[in-house]
Amino acid sequence: IVWPNPAFANSITVYGPEVRSLAGRYLRQMIEELRTL
């Protein structure tokens, strides 16, 4: 997720597959932590 992005007239851009990847990675990590706390 980039802002400002010069390639898109300095608008904010979202690259879906990478966002899904980081969100999934963090949610799995968070849930595992909650299971151990």
PDB file of all heavy atoms in Angstrom:
ATOM      1  N   ILE A   1       0.879  -1.170   0.000  1.00  0.00           N
ATOM      2  CA  ILE A   1       0.000   0.000   0.000  1.00  0.00           C
ATOM      3  C   ILE A   1       0.915   1.217   0.000  1.00  0.00           C
ATOM      4  O   ILE A   1       1.753   1.360   0.892  1.00  0.00           O
ATOM      5  CB  ILE A   1      -0.931   0.024   1.225  1.00  0.00           C
ATOM      6  CG1 ILE A   1      -1.740  -1.276   1.321  1.00  0.00           C
ATOM      7  CG2 ILE A   1      -1.876   1.218   1.153  1.00  0.00           C
ATOM      8  CD1 ILE A   1      -2.603  -1.374   2.564  1.00  0.00           C
ATOM      9  N   VAL A   2       0.748   2.069  -1.016  1.00  0.00           N
ATOM     10  CA  VAL A   2       1.685   3.176  -1.206  1.00  0.00           C
ATOM     11  C   VAL A   2       0.917   4.484  -1.379  1.00  0.00           C
ATOM     12  O   VAL A   2      -0.041   4.555  -2.155  1.00  0.00           O
ATOM     13  CB  VAL A   2       2.570   2.944  -2.456  1.00  0.00           C
ATOM     14  CG1 VAL A   2       3.517   4.117  -2.665  1.00  0.00           C
ATOM     15  CG2 VAL A   2       3.348   1.642  -2.333  1.00  0.00           C
ATOM     16  N   TRP A   3       1.344   5.499  -0.644  1.00  0.00           N
ATOM     17  CA  TRP A   3       0.866   6.860  -0.867  1.00  0.00           C
ATOM     18  C   TRP A   3       1.915   7.846  -0.388  1.00  0.00           C
ATOM     19  O   TRP A   3       2.438   7.682   0.717  1.00  0.00           O
ATOM     20  CB  TRP A   3      -0.445   7.142  -0.113  1.00  0.00           C
ATOM     21  CG  TRP A   3      -0.892   8.551  -0.332  1.00  0.00           C
ATOM     22  CD1 TRP A   3      -1.398   9.088  -1.476  1.00  0.00           C
ATOM     23  CD2 TRP A   3      -0.791   9.633   0.606  1.00  0.00           C
ATOM     24  NE1 TRP A   3      -1.627  10.442  -1.311  1.00  0.00           N
ATOM     25  CE2 TRP A   3      -1.263  10.797  -0.046  1.00  0.00           C
ATOM     26  CE3 TRP A   3      -0.334   9.748   1.921  1.00  0.00           C
ATOM     27  CZ2 TRP A   3      -1.296  12.041   0.574  1.00  0.00           C
ATOM     28  CZ3 TRP A   3      -0.369  10.978   2.545  1.00  0.00           C
ATOM     29  CH2 TRP A   3      -0.852  12.114   1.875  1.00  0.00           C
ATOM     30  N   PRO A   4       2.273   8.841  -1.225  1.00  0.00           N
ATOM     31  CA  PRO A   4       1.806   9.042  -2.602  1.00  0.00           C
ATOM     32  C   PRO A   4       2.559   8.118  -3.556  1.00  0.00           C
ATOM     33  O   PRO A   4       3.749   7.872  -3.370  1.00  0.00           O
ATOM     34  CB  PRO A   4       2.140  10.513  -2.860  1.00  0.00           C
ATOM     35  CG  PRO A   4       3.316  10.791  -1.967  1.00  0.00           C
ATOM     36  CD  PRO A   4       3.126   9.955  -0.746  1.00  0.00           C
ATOM     37  N   ASN A   5       1.862   7.658  -4.585  1.00  0.00           N
ATOM     38  CA  ASN A   5       2.473   6.792  -5.586  1.00  0.00           C
ATOM     39  C   ASN A   5       2.613   7.589  -6.887  1.00  0.00           C
ATOM     40  O   ASN A   5       1.622   7.846  -7.568  1.00  0.00           O
ATOM     41  CB  ASN A   5       1.599   5.554  -5.825  1.00  0.00           C
ATOM     42  CG  ASN A   5       2.305   4.520  -6.672  1.00  0.00           C
ATOM     43  OD1 ASN A   5       3.192   4.837  -7.457  1.00  0.00           O
ATOM     44  ND2 ASN A   5       1.910   3.265  -6.530  1.00  0.00           N
ATOM     45  N   PRO A   6       3.840   8.003  -7.244  1.00  0.00           N
ATOM     46  CA  PRO A   6       4.023   8.831  -8.444  1.00  0.00           C
ATOM     47  C   PRO A   6       3.511   8.169  -9.718  1.00  0.00           C
ATOM     48  O   PRO A   6       3.108   8.860 -10.657  1.00  0.00           O
ATOM     49  CB  PRO A   6       5.545   9.041  -8.501  1.00  0.00           C
ATOM     50  CG  PRO A   6       6.025   8.796  -7.117  1.00  0.00           C
ATOM     51  CD  PRO A   6       5.112   7.749  -6.547  1.00  0.00           C
ATOM     52  N   ALA A   7       3.515   6.847  -9.758  1.00  0.00           N
ATOM     53  CA  ALA A   7       3.063   6.142 -10.960  1.00  0.00           C
ATOM     54  C   ALA A   7       1.553   6.234 -11.142  1.00  0.00           C
ATOM     55  O   ALA A   7       1.036   5.915 -12.215  1.00  0.00           O
ATOM     56  CB  ALA A   7       3.495   4.681 -10.901  1.00  0.00           C
ATOM     57  N   PHE A   8       0.837   6.649 -10.102  1.00  0.00           N
ATOM     58  CA  PHE A   8      -0.618   6.771 -10.169  1.00  0.00           C
ATOM     59  C   PHE A   8      -1.049   8.184  -9.774  1.00  0.00           C
ATOM     60  O   PHE A   8      -1.962   8.367  -8.968  1.00  0.00           O
ATOM     61  CB  PHE A   8      -1.286   5.736  -9.261  1.00  0.00           C
ATOM     62  CG  PHE A   8      -1.207   4.327  -9.771  1.00  0.00           C
ATOM     63  CD1 PHE A   8      -0.064   3.573  -9.576  1.00  0.00           C
ATOM     64  CD2 PHE A   8      -2.264   3.764 -10.467  1.00  0.00           C
ATOM     65  CE1 PHE A   8       0.019   2.267 -10.055  1.00  0.00           C
ATOM     66  CE2 PHE A   8      -2.192   2.464 -10.949  1.00  0.00           C
ATOM     67  CZ  PHE A   8      -1.047   1.713 -10.747  1.00  0.00           C
ATOM     68  N   ALA A   9      -0.370   9.185 -10.349  1.00  0.00           N
ATOM     69  CA  ALA A   9      -0.694  10.591 -10.090  1.00  0.00           C
ATOM     70  C   ALA A   9      -0.704  10.895  -8.599  1.00  0.00           C
ATOM     71  O   ALA A   9      -1.504  11.691  -8.109  1.00  0.00           O
ATOM     72  CB  ALA A   9      -2.028  10.965 -10.726  1.00  0.00           C
ATOM     73  N   ASN A  10       0.192  10.251  -7.871  1.00  0.00           N
ATOM     74  CA  ASN A  10       0.346  10.450  -6.428  1.00  0.00           C
ATOM     75  C   ASN A  10      -0.894  10.055  -5.632  1.00  0.00           C
ATOM     76  O   ASN A  10      -1.091  10.523  -4.500  1.00  0.00           O
ATOM     77  CB  ASN A  10       0.755  11.894  -6.107  1.00  0.00           C
ATOM     78  CG  ASN A  10       2.207  12.157  -6.472  1.00  0.00           C
ATOM     79  OD1 ASN A  10       3.054  11.275  -6.339  1.00  0.00           O
ATOM     80  ND2 ASN A  10       2.501  13.343  -6.941  1.00  0.00           N
ATOM     81  N   SER A  11      -1.725   9.201  -6.201  1.00  0.00           N
ATOM     82  CA  SER A  11      -2.856   8.645  -5.460  1.00  0.00           C
ATOM     83  C   SER A  11      -2.382   7.482  -4.589  1.00  0.00           C
ATOM     84  O   SER A  11      -1.252   6.999  -4.712  1.00  0.00           O
ATOM     85  CB  SER A  11      -3.933   8.153  -6.432  1.00  0.00           C
ATOM     86  OG  SER A  11      -4.458   9.224  -7.184  1.00  0.00           O
ATOM     87  N   ILE A  12      -3.267   7.022  -3.706  1.00  0.00           N
ATOM     88  CA  ILE A  12      -2.958   5.864  -2.875  1.00  0.00           C
ATOM     89  C   ILE A  12      -3.292   4.599  -3.658  1.00  0.00           C
ATOM     90  O   ILE A  12      -4.328   4.515  -4.319  1.00  0.00           O
ATOM     91  CB  ILE A  12      -3.718   5.901  -1.540  1.00  0.00           C
ATOM     92  CG1 ILE A  12      -3.328   4.707  -0.671  1.00  0.00           C
ATOM     93  CG2 ILE A  12      -5.224   5.960  -1.749  1.00  0.00           C
ATOM     94  CD1 ILE A  12      -3.847   4.800   0.741  1.00  0.00           C
ATOM     95  N   THR A  13      -2.396   3.626  -3.622  1.00  0.00           N
ATOM     96  CA  THR A  13      -2.590   2.386  -4.361  1.00  0.00           C
ATOM     97  C   THR A  13      -2.520   1.193  -3.419  1.00  0.00           C
ATOM     98  O   THR A  13      -1.780   1.204  -2.430  1.00  0.00           O
ATOM     99  CB  THR A  13      -1.534   2.222  -5.463  1.00  0.00           C
ATOM    100  OG1 THR A  13      -0.218   2.376  -4.895  1.00  0.00           O
ATOM    101  CG2 THR A  13      -1.727   3.260  -6.549  1.00  0.00           C
ATOM    102  N   VAL A  14      -3.283   0.179  -3.747  1.00  0.00           N
ATOM    103  CA  VAL A  14      -3.366  -1.031  -2.936  1.00  0.00           C
ATOM    104  C   VAL A  14      -3.136  -2.233  -3.849  1.00  0.00           C
ATOM    105  O   VAL A  14      -3.817  -2.376  -4.871  1.00  0.00           O
ATOM    106  CB  VAL A  14      -4.748  -1.165  -2.259  1.00  0.00           C
ATOM    107  CG1 VAL A  14      -4.821  -2.446  -1.430  1.00  0.00           C
ATOM    108  CG2 VAL A  14      -5.032   0.051  -1.392  1.00  0.00           C
ATOM    109  N   TYR A  15      -2.190  -3.077  -3.501  1.00  0.00           N
ATOM    110  CA  TYR A  15      -1.915  -4.295  -4.263  1.00  0.00           C
ATOM    111  C   TYR A  15      -2.462  -5.478  -3.468  1.00  0.00           C
ATOM    112  O   TYR A  15      -1.870  -5.937  -2.486  1.00  0.00           O
ATOM    113  CB  TYR A  15      -0.415  -4.422  -4.529  1.00  0.00           C
ATOM    114  CG  TYR A  15       0.129  -3.264  -5.328  1.00  0.00           C
ATOM    115  CD1 TYR A  15       0.726  -2.176  -4.700  1.00  0.00           C
ATOM    116  CD2 TYR A  15       0.005  -3.226  -6.715  1.00  0.00           C
ATOM    117  CE1 TYR A  15       1.202  -1.095  -5.422  1.00  0.00           C
ATOM    118  CE2 TYR A  15       0.480  -2.146  -7.448  1.00  0.00           C
ATOM    119  CZ  TYR A  15       1.078  -1.090  -6.794  1.00  0.00           C
ATOM    120  OH  TYR A  15       1.544  -0.006  -7.512  1.00  0.00           O
ATOM    121  N   GLY A  16      -3.614  -5.944  -3.909  1.00  0.00           N
ATOM    122  CA  GLY A  16      -4.400  -6.894  -3.134  1.00  0.00           C
ATOM    123  C   GLY A  16      -3.705  -8.157  -2.695  1.00  0.00           C
ATOM    124  O   GLY A  16      -3.770  -8.531  -1.509  1.00  0.00           O
ATOM    125  N   PRO A  17      -3.035  -8.895  -3.580  1.00  0.00           N
ATOM    126  CA  PRO A  17      -2.426 -10.168  -3.151  1.00  0.00           C
ATOM    127  C   PRO A  17      -1.419  -9.988  -2.022  1.00  0.00           C
ATOM    128  O   PRO A  17      -1.366 -10.809  -1.097  1.00  0.00           O
ATOM    129  CB  PRO A  17      -1.752 -10.666  -4.437  1.00  0.00           C
ATOM    130  CG  PRO A  17      -2.546 -10.052  -5.543  1.00  0.00           C
ATOM    131  CD  PRO A  17      -2.938  -8.698  -5.035  1.00  0.00           C
ATOM    132  N   GLU A  18      -0.610  -8.917  -2.086  1.00  0.00           N
ATOM    133  CA  GLU A  18       0.383  -8.701  -1.034  1.00  0.00           C
ATOM    134  C   GLU A  18      -0.277  -8.304   0.281  1.00  0.00           C
ATOM    135  O   GLU A  18       0.178  -8.688   1.359  1.00  0.00           O
ATOM    136  CB  GLU A  18       1.381  -7.619  -1.481  1.00  0.00           C
ATOM    137  CG  GLU A  18       2.320  -8.064  -2.582  1.00  0.00           C
ATOM    138  CD  GLU A  18       1.675  -8.019  -3.957  1.00  0.00           C
ATOM    139  OE1 GLU A  18       0.547  -7.495  -4.062  1.00  0.00           O
ATOM    140  OE2 GLU A  18       2.282  -8.510  -4.930  1.00  0.00           O
ATOM    141  N   VAL A  19      -1.380  -7.521   0.192  1.00  0.00           N
ATOM    142  CA  VAL A  19      -2.105  -7.156   1.412  1.00  0.00           C
ATOM    143  C   VAL A  19      -2.701  -8.404   2.055  1.00  0.00           C
ATOM    144  O   VAL A  19      -2.629  -8.580   3.279  1.00  0.00           O
ATOM    145  CB  VAL A  19      -3.204  -6.126   1.098  1.00  0.00           C
ATOM    146  CG1 VAL A  19      -4.076  -5.880   2.328  1.00  0.00           C
ATOM    147  CG2 VAL A  19      -2.593  -4.816   0.619  1.00  0.00           C
ATOM    148  N   ARG A  20      -3.297  -9.266   1.249  1.00  0.00           N
ATOM    149  CA  ARG A  20      -3.832 -10.518   1.801  1.00  0.00           C
ATOM    150  C   ARG A  20      -2.731 -11.347   2.447  1.00  0.00           C
ATOM    151  O   ARG A  20      -2.928 -11.972   3.497  1.00  0.00           O
ATOM    152  CB  ARG A  20      -4.528 -11.320   0.700  1.00  0.00           C
ATOM    153  CG  ARG A  20      -5.888 -10.790   0.312  1.00  0.00           C
ATOM    154  CD  ARG A  20      -6.633 -11.751  -0.587  1.00  0.00           C
ATOM    155  NE  ARG A  20      -6.016 -11.861  -1.890  1.00  0.00           N
ATOM    156  CZ  ARG A  20      -6.282 -11.060  -2.916  1.00  0.00           C
ATOM    157  NH1 ARG A  20      -7.153 -10.074  -2.764  1.00  0.00           N
ATOM    158  NH2 ARG A  20      -5.691 -11.225  -4.088  1.00  0.00           N
ATOM    159  N   SER A  21      -1.561 -11.341   1.837  1.00  0.00           N
ATOM    160  CA  SER A  21      -0.449 -12.124   2.377  1.00  0.00           C
ATOM    161  C   SER A  21      -0.029 -11.615   3.748  1.00  0.00           C
ATOM    162  O   SER A  21       0.119 -12.393   4.697  1.00  0.00           O
ATOM    163  CB  SER A  21       0.733 -12.071   1.401  1.00  0.00           C
ATOM    164  OG  SER A  21       1.855 -12.741   1.923  1.00  0.00           O
ATOM    165  N   LEU A  22       0.157 -10.298   3.873  1.00  0.00           N
ATOM    166  CA  LEU A  22       0.607  -9.779   5.170  1.00  0.00           C
ATOM    167  C   LEU A  22      -0.489  -9.890   6.221  1.00  0.00           C
ATOM    168  O   LEU A  22      -0.205 -10.193   7.395  1.00  0.00           O
ATOM    169  CB  LEU A  22       1.097  -8.332   5.034  1.00  0.00           C
ATOM    170  CG  LEU A  22       0.099  -7.194   4.876  1.00  0.00           C
ATOM    171  CD1 LEU A  22      -0.321  -6.635   6.242  1.00  0.00           C
ATOM    172  CD2 LEU A  22       0.697  -6.066   4.057  1.00  0.00           C
ATOM    173  N   ALA A  23      -1.756  -9.675   5.826  1.00  0.00           N
ATOM    174  CA  ALA A  23      -2.846  -9.787   6.797  1.00  0.00           C
ATOM    175  C   ALA A  23      -2.969 -11.221   7.295  1.00  0.00           C
ATOM    176  O   ALA A  23      -3.149 -11.461   8.501  1.00  0.00           O
ATOM    177  CB  ALA A  23      -4.159  -9.328   6.165  1.00  0.00           C
ATOM    178  N   GLY A  24      -2.873 -12.178   6.382  1.00  0.00           N
ATOM    179  CA  GLY A  24      -2.947 -13.580   6.796  1.00  0.00           C
ATOM    180  C   GLY A  24      -1.794 -13.976   7.689  1.00  0.00           C
ATOM    181  O   GLY A  24      -1.972 -14.687   8.688  1.00  0.00           O
ATOM    182  N   ARG A  25      -0.602 -13.504   7.353  1.00  0.00           N
ATOM    183  CA  ARG A  25       0.584 -13.817   8.166  1.00  0.00           C
ATOM    184  C   ARG A  25       0.424 -13.289   9.582  1.00  0.00           C
ATOM    185  O   ARG A  25       0.699 -14.001  10.571  1.00  0.00           O
ATOM    186  CB  ARG A  25       1.819 -13.217   7.489  1.00  0.00           C
ATOM    187  CG  ARG A  25       3.100 -13.281   8.313  1.00  0.00           C
ATOM    188  CD  ARG A  25       4.313 -12.945   7.468  1.00  0.00           C
ATOM    189  NE  ARG A  25       4.320 -11.578   6.972  1.00  0.00           N
ATOM    190  CZ  ARG A  25       4.856 -10.544   7.616  1.00  0.00           C
ATOM    191  NH1 ARG A  25       5.400 -10.737   8.820  1.00  0.00           N
ATOM    192  NH2 ARG A  25       4.847  -9.329   7.083  1.00  0.00           N
ATOM    193  N   TYR A  26      -0.003 -12.043   9.707  1.00  0.00           N
ATOM    194  CA  TYR A  26      -0.128 -11.463  11.035  1.00  0.00           C
ATOM    195  C   TYR A  26      -1.277 -12.078  11.828  1.00  0.00           C
ATOM    196  O   TYR A  26      -1.144 -12.314  13.039  1.00  0.00           O
ATOM    197  CB  TYR A  26      -0.337  -9.951  10.927  1.00  0.00           C
ATOM    198  CG  TYR A  26       0.943  -9.185  10.708  1.00  0.00           C
ATOM    199  CD1 TYR A  26       0.975  -8.086   9.862  1.00  0.00           C
ATOM    200  CD2 TYR A  26       2.120  -9.543  11.356  1.00  0.00           C
ATOM    201  CE1 TYR A  26       2.142  -7.359   9.670  1.00  0.00           C
ATOM    202  CE2 TYR A  26       3.290  -8.834  11.165  1.00  0.00           C
ATOM    203  CZ  TYR A  26       3.302  -7.739  10.325  1.00  0.00           C
ATOM    204  OH  TYR A  26       4.456  -7.032  10.139  1.00  0.00           O
ATOM    205  N   LEU A  27      -2.405 -12.344  11.192  1.00  0.00           N
ATOM    206  CA  LEU A  27      -3.518 -12.940  11.933  1.00  0.00           C
ATOM    207  C   LEU A  27      -3.147 -14.310  12.477  1.00  0.00           C
ATOM    208  O   LEU A  27      -3.478 -14.650  13.625  1.00  0.00           O
ATOM    209  CB  LEU A  27      -4.755 -13.035  11.037  1.00  0.00           C
ATOM    210  CG  LEU A  27      -5.587 -11.754  10.910  1.00  0.00           C
ATOM    211  CD1 LEU A  27      -6.653 -11.909   9.843  1.00  0.00           C
ATOM    212  CD2 LEU A  27      -6.235 -11.398  12.250  1.00  0.00           C
ATOM    213  N   ARG A  28      -2.459 -15.102  11.680  1.00  0.00           N
ATOM    214  CA  ARG A  28      -2.025 -16.423  12.182  1.00  0.00           C
ATOM    215  C   ARG A  28      -1.085 -16.260  13.364  1.00  0.00           C
ATOM    216  O   ARG A  28      -1.204 -16.984  14.371  1.00  0.00           O
ATOM    217  CB  ARG A  28      -1.348 -17.211  11.061  1.00  0.00           C
ATOM    218  CG  ARG A  28      -2.299 -17.692   9.968  1.00  0.00           C
ATOM    219  CD  ARG A  28      -1.608 -18.649   9.018  1.00  0.00           C
ATOM    220  NE  ARG A  28      -0.514 -18.010   8.288  1.00  0.00           N
ATOM    221  CZ  ARG A  28      -0.656 -17.359   7.134  1.00  0.00           C
ATOM    222  NH1 ARG A  28      -1.858 -17.246   6.585  1.00  0.00           N
ATOM    223  NH2 ARG A  28       0.393 -16.823   6.529  1.00  0.00           N
ATOM    224  N   GLN A  29      -0.155 -15.317  13.263  1.00  0.00           N
ATOM    225  CA  GLN A  29       0.787 -15.097  14.355  1.00  0.00           C
ATOM    226  C   GLN A  29       0.068 -14.614  15.613  1.00  0.00           C
ATOM    227  O   GLN A  29       0.362 -15.073  16.729  1.00  0.00           O
ATOM    228  CB  GLN A  29       1.843 -14.084  13.921  1.00  0.00           C
ATOM    229  CG  GLN A  29       2.932 -13.825  14.962  1.00  0.00           C
ATOM    230  CD  GLN A  29       4.019 -12.897  14.427  1.00  0.00           C
ATOM    231  OE1 GLN A  29       4.007 -12.512  13.256  1.00  0.00           O
ATOM    232  NE2 GLN A  29       4.951 -12.530  15.283  1.00  0.00           N
ATOM    233  N   MET A  30      -0.880 -13.716  15.452  1.00  0.00           N
ATOM    234  CA  MET A  30      -1.616 -13.198  16.607  1.00  0.00           C
ATOM    235  C   MET A  30      -2.409 -14.288  17.310  1.00  0.00           C
ATOM    236  O   MET A  30      -2.393 -14.392  18.556  1.00  0.00           O
ATOM    237  CB  MET A  30      -2.561 -12.084  16.153  1.00  0.00           C
ATOM    238  CG  MET A  30      -1.880 -10.836  15.640  1.00  0.00           C
ATOM    239  SD  MET A  30      -3.107  -9.670  14.950  1.00  0.00           S
ATOM    240  CE  MET A  30      -2.048  -8.434  14.213  1.00  0.00           C
ATOM    241  N   ILE A  31      -3.108 -15.102  16.526  1.00  0.00           N
ATOM    242  CA  ILE A  31      -3.929 -16.158  17.132  1.00  0.00           C
ATOM    243  C   ILE A  31      -3.051 -17.157  17.876  1.00  0.00           C
ATOM    244  O   ILE A  31      -3.404 -17.618  18.984  1.00  0.00           O
ATOM    245  CB  ILE A  31      -4.774 -16.870  16.056  1.00  0.00           C
ATOM    246  CG1 ILE A  31      -5.721 -15.876  15.384  1.00  0.00           C
ATOM    247  CG2 ILE A  31      -5.560 -18.015  16.669  1.00  0.00           C
ATOM    248  CD1 ILE A  31      -6.577 -15.089  16.324  1.00  0.00           C
ATOM    249  N   GLU A  32      -1.905 -17.495  17.307  1.00  0.00           N
ATOM    250  CA  GLU A  32      -0.996 -18.412  18.004  1.00  0.00           C
ATOM    251  C   GLU A  32      -0.514 -17.811  19.316  1.00  0.00           C
ATOM    252  O   GLU A  32      -0.382 -18.509  20.327  1.00  0.00           O
ATOM    253  CB  GLU A  32       0.191 -18.759  17.094  1.00  0.00           C
ATOM    254  CG  GLU A  32      -0.154 -19.706  15.957  1.00  0.00           C
ATOM    255  CD  GLU A  32      -0.805 -20.983  16.459  1.00  0.00           C
ATOM    256  OE1 GLU A  32      -0.268 -21.596  17.416  1.00  0.00           O
ATOM    257  OE2 GLU A  32      -1.866 -21.359  15.923  1.00  0.00           O
ATOM    258  N   GLU A  33      -0.239 -16.508  19.306  1.00  0.00           N
ATOM    259  CA  GLU A  33       0.189 -15.872  20.553  1.00  0.00           C
ATOM    260  C   GLU A  33      -0.920 -15.920  21.594  1.00  0.00           C
ATOM    261  O   GLU A  33      -0.664 -16.206  22.779  1.00  0.00           O
ATOM    262  CB  GLU A  33       0.602 -14.420  20.286  1.00  0.00           C
ATOM    263  CG  GLU A  33       1.935 -14.278  19.590  1.00  0.00           C
ATOM    264  CD  GLU A  33       2.370 -12.833  19.472  1.00  0.00           C
ATOM    265  OE1 GLU A  33       1.780 -11.960  20.149  1.00  0.00           O
ATOM    266  OE2 GLU A  33       3.300 -12.570  18.686  1.00  0.00           O
ATOM    267  N   LEU A  34      -2.174 -15.615  21.177  1.00  0.00           N
ATOM    268  CA  LEU A  34      -3.282 -15.629  22.129  1.00  0.00           C
ATOM    269  C   LEU A  34      -3.492 -17.015  22.719  1.00  0.00           C
ATOM    270  O   LEU A  34      -3.943 -17.150  23.867  1.00  0.00           O
ATOM    271  CB  LEU A  34      -4.564 -15.146  21.456  1.00  0.00           C
ATOM    272  CG  LEU A  34      -4.607 -13.687  20.976  1.00  0.00           C
ATOM    273  CD1 LEU A  34      -6.007 -13.337  20.483  1.00  0.00           C
ATOM    274  CD2 LEU A  34      -4.194 -12.731  22.082  1.00  0.00           C
ATOM    275  N   ARG A  35      -3.165 -18.042  21.940  1.00  0.00           N
ATOM    276  CA  ARG A  35      -3.314 -19.412  22.458  1.00  0.00           C
ATOM    277  C   ARG A  35      -2.278 -19.743  23.524  1.00  0.00           C
ATOM    278  O   ARG A  35      -2.491 -20.629  24.345  1.00  0.00           O
ATOM    279  CB  ARG A  35      -3.198 -20.423  21.310  1.00  0.00           C
ATOM    280  CG  ARG A  35      -4.398 -20.457  20.379  1.00  0.00           C
ATOM    281  CD  ARG A  35      -4.368 -21.704  19.508  1.00  0.00           C
ATOM    282  NE  ARG A  35      -5.561 -21.805  18.679  1.00  0.00           N
ATOM    283  CZ  ARG A  35      -5.603 -21.557  17.365  1.00  0.00           C
ATOM    284  NH1 ARG A  35      -4.486 -21.214  16.730  1.00  0.00           N
ATOM    285  NH2 ARG A  35      -6.719 -21.657  16.685  1.00  0.00           N
ATOM    286  N   THR A  36      -1.150 -19.026  23.489  1.00  0.00           N
ATOM    287  CA  THR A  36      -0.090 -19.318  24.466  1.00  0.00           C
ATOM    288  C   THR A  36      -0.141 -18.400  25.684  1.00  0.00           C
ATOM    289  O   THR A  36       0.516 -18.685  26.687  1.00  0.00           O
ATOM    290  CB  THR A  36       1.292 -19.178  23.806  1.00  0.00           C
ATOM    291  OG1 THR A  36       1.491 -17.819  23.394  1.00  0.00           O
ATOM    292  CG2 THR A  36       1.403 -20.093  22.587  1.00  0.00           C
ATOM    293  N   LEU A  37      -0.907 -17.300  25.587  1.00  0.00           N
ATOM    294  CA  LEU A  37      -0.965 -16.352  26.696  1.00  0.00           C
ATOM    295  C   LEU A  37      -2.070 -16.735  27.675  1.00  0.00           C
ATOM    296  O   LEU A  37      -3.112 -17.263  27.275  1.00  0.00           O
ATOM    297  CB  LEU A  37      -1.222 -14.935  26.167  1.00  0.00           C
ATOM    298  CG  LEU A  37      -0.079 -14.298  25.375  1.00  0.00           C
ATOM    299  CD1 LEU A  37      -0.542 -13.005  24.721  1.00  0.00           C
ATOM    300  CD2 LEU A  37       1.121 -14.029  26.284  1.00  0.00           C
TER     301      LEU A  37
END
